[in-house]
Protein backbone atom coordinates (compact mmCIF):
# COMPACT_ATOMS: atom_id res chain seq x y z
CA MET A 1 93.50 121.50 29.64
CA LEU A 2 95.11 119.16 32.11
CA LYS A 3 97.04 120.77 34.91
CA LYS A 4 100.61 119.71 35.33
CA MET A 5 101.38 117.79 38.49
CA PRO A 6 103.43 119.93 40.87
CA TYR A 7 107.02 118.88 41.36
CA ILE A 8 107.77 117.35 44.76
CA PRO A 9 111.44 117.05 45.70
CA SER A 10 112.61 113.51 46.36
CA GLU A 11 113.73 114.37 49.87
CA VAL A 12 110.19 115.55 50.69
CA ILE A 13 108.73 112.30 49.32
CA PHE A 14 111.25 110.41 51.46
CA GLU A 15 110.13 112.21 54.62
CA ILE A 16 106.43 111.73 53.83
CA LEU A 17 106.79 107.99 53.20
CA LEU A 18 108.85 107.64 56.35
CA ARG A 19 105.91 108.71 58.49
CA LEU A 20 103.33 106.40 56.96
CA PRO A 21 102.14 103.19 58.62
CA LEU A 22 104.30 100.25 57.62
CA LYS A 23 101.33 98.54 55.96
CA SER A 24 101.03 101.50 53.56
CA ILE A 25 104.76 101.53 52.87
CA LEU A 26 104.62 97.88 51.81
CA LYS A 27 101.72 98.61 49.46
CA PHE A 28 103.48 101.61 47.93
CA LYS A 29 106.35 99.41 46.78
CA SER A 30 104.13 98.48 43.84
CA VAL A 31 103.51 102.09 42.75
CA SER A 32 106.60 102.29 40.55
CA LYS A 33 110.11 100.90 40.14
CA SER A 34 111.58 104.08 41.57
CA TRP A 35 109.46 103.79 44.72
CA LEU A 36 110.30 100.10 45.01
CA PHE A 37 113.99 100.99 44.81
CA LEU A 38 113.58 103.80 47.36
CA LEU A 39 111.54 101.80 49.89
CA SER A 40 113.89 98.80 49.60
CA SER A 41 117.07 100.86 49.93
CA PRO A 42 119.28 100.45 53.03
CA GLN A 43 119.03 104.20 53.61
CA PHE A 44 115.24 104.14 53.86
CA ILE A 45 115.15 100.91 55.91
CA ASN A 46 117.70 102.22 58.42
CA THR A 47 116.09 105.66 58.66
CA HIS A 48 112.67 104.05 59.14
CA LEU A 49 114.16 101.79 61.82
CA ASN A 50 115.52 104.76 63.79
CA PHE A 51 112.21 106.57 63.33
CA SER A 52 110.20 103.58 64.58
CA ARG A 53 112.31 103.29 67.73
CA LYS A 54 111.33 106.81 68.77
CA ASP A 55 107.87 107.48 67.42
CA PHE A 56 105.99 104.22 66.87
CA PRO A 57 104.33 102.23 69.68
CA HIS A 58 105.46 98.74 70.57
CA ARG A 59 103.47 95.70 69.50
CA LEU A 60 102.90 92.70 71.70
CA LEU A 61 102.91 89.14 70.34
CA ILE A 62 101.11 86.47 72.33
CA LEU A 63 101.54 82.78 71.51
CA ASP A 64 99.36 80.10 73.09
CA ARG A 65 99.39 76.30 73.15
CA ASP A 66 96.90 76.13 70.31
CA GLN A 67 99.57 77.67 68.08
CA ILE A 68 97.47 80.75 67.39
CA LEU A 69 99.62 83.83 67.27
CA SER A 70 97.89 87.11 67.96
CA LYS A 71 99.35 90.51 67.35
CA LYS A 72 98.26 92.80 70.13
CA LYS A 73 98.68 96.40 69.05
CA CYS A 74 99.38 97.80 72.47
CA ALA A 75 100.55 101.40 72.80
CA LEU A 76 102.69 101.01 75.89
CA TYR A 77 103.99 104.54 75.47
CA SER A 78 103.75 107.03 72.63
CA PRO A 79 105.31 110.51 72.47
CA VAL A 80 102.10 111.70 70.82
CA SER A 81 99.68 110.31 73.40
CA LYS A 82 100.04 108.51 76.72
CA LYS A 83 96.74 106.71 76.24
CA ASN A 84 97.14 102.95 76.35
CA SER A 85 95.05 101.15 73.77
CA ALA A 86 94.91 97.56 72.62
CA VAL A 87 93.59 96.00 69.43
CA CYS A 88 93.80 92.24 68.82
CA VAL A 89 94.59 91.02 65.29
CA ASP A 90 95.10 87.35 64.42
CA LEU A 91 98.49 86.82 62.82
CA ASP A 92 99.74 83.56 61.37
CA TYR A 93 103.36 82.55 61.92
CA PRO A 94 105.72 80.63 59.63
CA VAL A 95 106.35 77.17 61.12
CA LYS A 96 103.77 75.14 63.03
CA SER A 97 104.65 72.86 65.90
CA ARG A 98 103.79 69.28 65.09
CA GLY A 99 104.10 68.09 68.67
CA CYS A 100 102.90 69.22 72.07
CA ASN A 101 105.79 71.59 72.74
CA ILE A 102 104.87 75.25 73.06
CA PRO A 103 106.65 77.47 70.52
CA GLN A 104 108.92 79.82 72.43
CA PHE A 105 109.98 83.40 71.84
CA ILE A 106 113.76 83.73 72.11
CA GLY A 107 113.84 87.49 71.78
CA SER A 108 113.18 90.44 69.52
CA CYS A 109 115.29 93.28 68.17
CA ASP A 110 114.61 95.95 65.51
CA GLY A 111 111.36 94.31 64.44
CA LEU A 112 112.88 90.84 64.09
CA VAL A 113 111.50 88.09 66.31
CA CYS A 114 113.42 84.89 67.04
CA LEU A 115 111.26 81.79 67.61
CA LEU A 116 112.06 78.29 68.77
CA VAL A 117 109.55 75.84 67.28
CA GLU A 118 110.42 72.35 68.52
CA ASN A 119 113.96 71.94 67.13
CA SER A 120 113.77 74.74 64.57
CA LEU A 121 115.07 78.25 65.16
CA ILE A 122 113.20 80.86 63.13
CA LEU A 123 114.10 84.49 62.48
CA TRP A 124 110.96 86.35 61.47
CA ASN A 125 109.70 89.85 60.73
CA PRO A 126 105.96 89.75 61.54
CA SER A 127 105.40 93.09 59.78
CA THR A 128 106.83 92.12 56.38
CA ARG A 129 106.04 88.38 56.84
CA LYS A 130 109.57 87.47 55.78
CA TRP A 131 111.33 84.71 57.67
CA LYS A 132 114.36 82.46 57.67
CA GLU A 133 115.21 79.18 59.36
CA ILE A 134 118.55 79.36 61.15
CA PRO A 135 120.93 76.45 60.40
CA LYS A 136 120.90 73.81 63.11
CA GLU A 137 123.94 73.67 65.33
CA GLU A 138 125.27 70.29 66.38
CA THR A 139 125.74 70.31 70.14
CA HIS A 140 127.18 66.93 70.99
CA GLN A 141 127.31 67.81 74.68
CA MET A 142 123.66 68.76 74.76
CA SER A 143 121.44 66.22 76.47
CA GLN A 144 118.88 66.04 79.23
CA ASP A 145 121.73 66.80 81.64
CA TYR A 146 122.00 70.37 80.32
CA TYR A 147 119.90 73.49 80.58
CA CYS A 148 119.78 75.46 77.37
CA THR A 149 118.92 79.13 76.96
CA TYR A 150 119.28 81.76 74.24
CA GLY A 151 119.79 85.44 73.62
CA PHE A 152 119.21 87.55 70.51
CA GLY A 153 120.27 91.04 69.50
CA TYR A 154 122.12 93.45 67.22
CA ASP A 155 125.86 94.02 66.98
CA LYS A 156 126.02 97.68 65.91
CA TYR A 157 129.76 97.75 65.26
CA ASN A 158 129.68 94.83 62.80
CA ASP A 159 126.15 95.55 61.50
CA ASP A 160 125.11 92.01 62.37
CA TYR A 161 122.27 90.27 64.17
CA LYS A 162 123.44 87.48 66.45
CA LEU A 163 121.83 84.56 68.26
CA VAL A 164 123.54 83.27 71.40
CA LEU A 165 123.15 79.65 72.54
CA LEU A 166 124.21 79.10 76.15
CA TYR A 167 124.04 75.83 78.03
CA SER A 168 124.84 74.80 81.60
CA SER A 169 125.15 71.42 83.28
CA LYS A 170 122.39 70.31 85.64
CA ILE A 171 124.62 67.93 87.53
CA LYS A 172 128.12 69.45 87.50
CA ASN A 173 129.33 72.93 88.42
CA THR A 174 131.52 73.06 85.32
CA GLY A 175 130.27 76.41 84.11
CA SER A 176 128.49 77.36 80.91
CA GLU A 177 129.45 77.14 77.27
CA VAL A 178 128.30 79.43 74.51
CA LYS A 179 127.94 79.39 70.73
CA VAL A 180 127.06 82.36 68.56
CA TYR A 181 125.19 82.45 65.27
CA SER A 182 125.89 85.34 62.90
CA LEU A 183 123.23 86.43 60.41
CA ARG A 184 125.92 88.10 58.30
CA THR A 185 127.93 84.90 57.85
CA ASN A 186 124.99 82.50 58.34
CA SER A 187 127.18 80.33 60.56
CA TRP A 188 127.85 79.32 64.16
CA LYS A 189 131.05 79.53 66.18
CA LYS A 190 132.05 78.48 69.70
CA ILE A 191 133.18 81.07 72.24
CA LYS A 192 135.83 79.98 74.73
CA GLY A 193 136.39 81.08 78.29
CA PHE A 194 132.81 81.71 79.28
CA VAL A 195 131.78 82.32 82.88
CA SER A 196 131.33 79.60 85.47
CA GLY A 197 127.92 79.52 86.99
CA TYR A 198 124.50 78.00 86.64
CA ILE A 199 122.20 79.60 84.11
CA TYR A 200 118.78 78.40 83.05
CA GLY A 201 115.24 79.59 82.59
CA ASN A 202 114.21 82.64 80.64
CA SER A 203 115.91 83.79 77.46
CA GLY A 204 118.50 86.53 77.76
CA VAL A 205 117.45 90.17 78.12
CA LEU A 206 118.86 92.58 75.55
CA LEU A 207 120.04 96.09 76.49
CA ASN A 208 122.37 98.28 74.41
CA GLY A 209 123.86 95.40 72.43
CA ILE A 210 124.46 93.24 75.53
CA VAL A 211 122.47 90.13 76.49
CA HIS A 212 121.83 89.43 80.19
CA TRP A 213 120.88 86.29 82.12
CA ASP A 214 120.21 85.85 85.84
CA THR A 215 122.15 83.05 87.55
CA ARG A 216 120.61 80.74 90.10
CA PRO A 217 122.13 78.46 92.75
CA HIS A 218 121.96 74.69 92.37
CA HIS A 219 121.09 72.60 95.43
CA ASP A 220 124.26 70.52 94.91
CA PHE A 221 126.53 73.49 94.17
CA ASN A 222 128.53 75.42 96.73
CA GLY A 223 128.50 79.21 96.77
CA CYS A 224 125.96 81.90 96.00
CA TYR A 225 125.29 83.16 92.49
CA ASN A 226 123.88 86.60 93.18
CA TYR A 227 124.81 88.20 89.88
CA ILE A 228 123.87 88.67 86.25
CA VAL A 229 125.88 87.08 83.46
CA SER A 230 126.24 89.30 80.40
CA PHE A 231 127.46 88.77 76.85
CA ASP A 232 128.56 91.69 74.66
CA LEU A 233 127.49 90.98 71.06
CA GLU A 234 130.16 93.29 69.64
CA THR A 235 133.23 92.07 71.54
CA GLU A 236 131.79 88.60 72.22
CA LYS A 237 133.12 88.84 75.75
CA GLN A 238 131.41 87.80 78.95
CA GLY A 239 130.80 89.97 81.99
CA LYS A 240 129.17 90.03 85.41
CA ILE A 241 126.86 92.50 87.09
CA GLU A 242 126.19 92.17 90.80
CA LEU A 243 122.60 92.17 92.04
CA PRO A 244 121.35 93.76 95.26
CA SER A 245 122.18 91.64 98.29
CA TYR A 246 119.56 89.73 100.28
CA GLU A 247 120.92 88.17 103.46
CA ASN A 248 119.30 85.00 104.77
CA GLU A 249 116.66 85.18 102.05
CA ASP A 250 115.79 82.52 99.49
CA VAL A 251 115.19 84.73 96.44
CA HIS A 252 115.21 84.43 92.68
CA TRP A 253 115.26 87.10 89.99
CA ASP A 254 113.52 87.92 86.73
CA LEU A 255 115.07 90.51 84.41
CA ILE A 256 113.47 92.77 81.83
CA SER A 257 114.77 95.60 79.67
CA SER A 258 112.52 98.63 79.44
CA ARG A 259 113.02 102.33 78.64
CA ASP A 260 116.75 101.77 78.05
CA SER A 261 117.18 100.46 81.60
CA LEU A 262 117.64 97.07 83.22
CA PHE A 263 114.94 96.09 85.73
CA GLY A 264 115.20 93.30 88.29
CA PHE A 265 112.15 91.66 89.85
CA CYS A 266 113.30 89.94 93.04
CA HIS A 267 110.91 87.26 94.28
CA CYS A 268 111.08 87.00 98.08
CA GLU A 269 108.87 83.97 98.53
CA SER A 270 109.29 83.84 102.30
CA GLN A 271 107.90 87.38 102.49
CA GLY A 272 105.27 86.77 99.80
CA GLU A 273 106.28 89.79 97.74
CA VAL A 274 108.25 91.04 94.76
CA ASP A 275 110.79 93.86 95.04
CA ILE A 276 111.22 95.85 91.83
CA TRP A 277 114.69 97.33 91.21
CA VAL A 278 116.11 99.49 88.43
CA MET A 279 119.81 99.94 87.66
CA LYS A 280 120.36 103.71 87.28
CA GLU A 281 123.99 103.45 86.14
CA TYR A 282 124.80 100.45 84.00
CA GLY A 283 127.17 97.94 85.58
CA VAL A 284 127.36 99.68 88.96
CA LYS A 285 125.95 97.62 91.85
CA GLU A 286 125.44 100.67 94.07
CA SER A 287 123.15 102.24 91.43
CA TRP A 288 120.45 99.58 91.91
CA THR A 289 117.41 101.44 93.26
CA LYS A 290 114.29 99.80 94.67
CA PHE A 291 111.20 101.74 93.66
CA ALA A 292 108.42 99.33 94.64
CA SER A 293 107.53 96.25 96.70
CA VAL A 294 104.38 94.42 95.71
CA ALA A 295 102.73 91.66 97.74
CA TYR A 296 101.52 88.62 95.83
CA TYR A 297 98.01 88.98 97.27
CA VAL A 298 97.68 92.54 95.85
CA ILE A 299 97.99 91.30 92.27
CA PRO A 300 98.89 87.61 91.78
CA GLY A 301 100.10 88.35 88.22
CA ILE A 302 103.21 90.06 89.62
CA PHE A 303 104.51 86.54 90.30
CA TYR A 304 104.84 85.89 86.56
CA LEU A 305 107.38 87.53 84.29
CA PRO A 306 106.39 91.17 83.67
CA LEU A 307 106.70 92.54 80.15
CA TYR A 308 107.29 96.26 80.37
CA VAL A 309 107.67 99.19 82.78
CA ASN A 310 106.60 102.60 81.48
CA GLU A 311 107.79 106.05 82.59
CA ASP A 312 104.95 106.33 85.12
CA GLY A 313 106.08 103.20 86.94
CA GLU A 314 103.24 101.09 85.53
CA VAL A 315 104.05 97.42 84.91
CA LEU A 316 102.51 95.50 82.02
CA LEU A 317 101.68 91.97 83.16
CA ILE A 318 99.17 89.13 83.05
CA ASN A 319 96.63 88.93 85.84
CA GLY A 320 94.35 85.92 85.57
CA GLN A 321 93.00 85.99 82.02
CA SER A 322 93.64 89.68 81.45
CA LEU A 323 96.50 91.85 80.31
CA VAL A 324 96.78 94.74 82.74
CA LEU A 325 98.83 97.82 83.56
CA PHE A 326 99.64 97.75 87.26
CA ASN A 327 100.40 101.06 88.98
CA THR A 328 103.11 100.44 91.58
CA ARG A 329 102.44 103.78 93.27
CA ASN A 330 98.88 103.16 94.39
CA ASN A 331 98.46 99.40 93.85
CA THR A 332 95.73 99.79 91.24
CA TYR A 333 95.56 98.39 87.74
CA LYS A 334 93.91 99.06 84.41
CA ASP A 335 92.46 96.17 82.41
CA LEU A 336 93.48 96.49 78.74
CA GLN A 337 90.51 94.37 77.69
CA ILE A 338 92.59 91.61 76.09
CA HIS A 339 91.34 88.09 76.81
CA LEU A 340 94.09 85.51 77.34
CA PRO A 341 94.17 81.73 77.76
CA ASP A 342 93.14 80.54 81.22
CA THR A 343 96.65 79.89 82.51
CA GLN A 344 99.95 81.73 82.21
CA LEU A 345 101.77 78.45 81.63
CA ARG A 346 100.10 78.09 78.22
CA ILE A 347 101.45 81.26 76.62
CA ASP A 348 104.60 83.11 75.71
CA MET A 349 105.01 86.80 74.88
CA ALA A 350 107.35 89.23 73.18
CA THR A 351 107.32 92.91 72.24
CA TYR A 352 108.54 94.29 68.93
CA ASN A 353 108.45 97.35 66.69
CA GLU A 354 107.18 97.41 63.11
CA THR A 355 110.19 97.75 60.80
CA LEU A 356 111.41 96.82 57.31
CA VAL A 357 114.49 94.97 58.58
CA SER A 358 115.03 91.71 56.72
CA PRO A 359 115.62 88.38 58.52
CA VAL A 360 118.41 87.55 56.04
CA PHE A 361 121.58 89.51 55.44
CA ASN A 362 121.05 89.40 51.69
CA ASP A 363 117.34 89.76 51.02
CA GLU A 364 117.67 87.86 47.76
CA ASP A 365 119.24 84.83 49.37
CA GLY A 366 117.25 82.46 51.56
CA CYS A 367 114.35 84.69 52.57
CA LYS A 368 110.88 83.16 52.62
CA LEU A 369 107.44 84.72 52.47
CA TRP A 370 104.29 82.97 53.62
């Protein structure tokens, strides 16, 4: 006589599925229609997203000039274990570059990665393999006389993912202009009254729904731009955050967001070192705290843009052809045994979490799978 299967409450099934690896969750969508409905529901996707932010390790994507995208499963920090491990898995990406330009990571948020491949902007979830090409925006003022940079993030109030396009003149101190793409409306709009200043270089750094860029002085411009330009994705308003002052020093800054804090890496080239600062209270200049100074000769990789700072003060960065964790307290580092291309100028990197978030507002409209 066959034994009857025990009854398992739906809320228990929900909690069990929530804790499974994302790869298993995707497979279990084919178990039954009811499980497909459950695992595709906004409630499950949002709950899984919140769960992944707290309990799942970050992943690191590395893109090289040969257009080979590798997913580095790197446990930068895990509440379960503080052991750092790395496993390399080849991962194809949606759109190949036909020219010599290196595909560029714009940013990542909630498991979505924004890519610039030549003239195409791609929104992509590497975990689900779903992607979408963002409509091109006509920028009649854009030319070789302008620097162009981007920012990407989530507007919690409007439940919308937004891409920010910001461009500044190379030859005139006329300020910067900005346009914003909304995933919800699938359209662009121009924002008026943006900050004056000179912004170029790295893509914006996302922290708490606000994108940040460092400003840099132009040799033909008067004045000193020792501040961060910010853009609030909810209010779509600009802001400024002052950086620590360096008198009589030719410095430039790199910004990263890590552990819900904004970090500034100040390159003092005349001194041959990098000062690492963290802003303890958001928006308050006096809360900037320097917790390390690292000479270039100690670890040359500190010169390039770091990726992450963990709770022990270890910095994830590239040193030569290796990915390493550098301990700022004792100037030692741990090699994570990941082989990289032979020059930092050939690669681009981004971190992300594995989620079920779709790269289109309506998953039935415009989403592609490769």
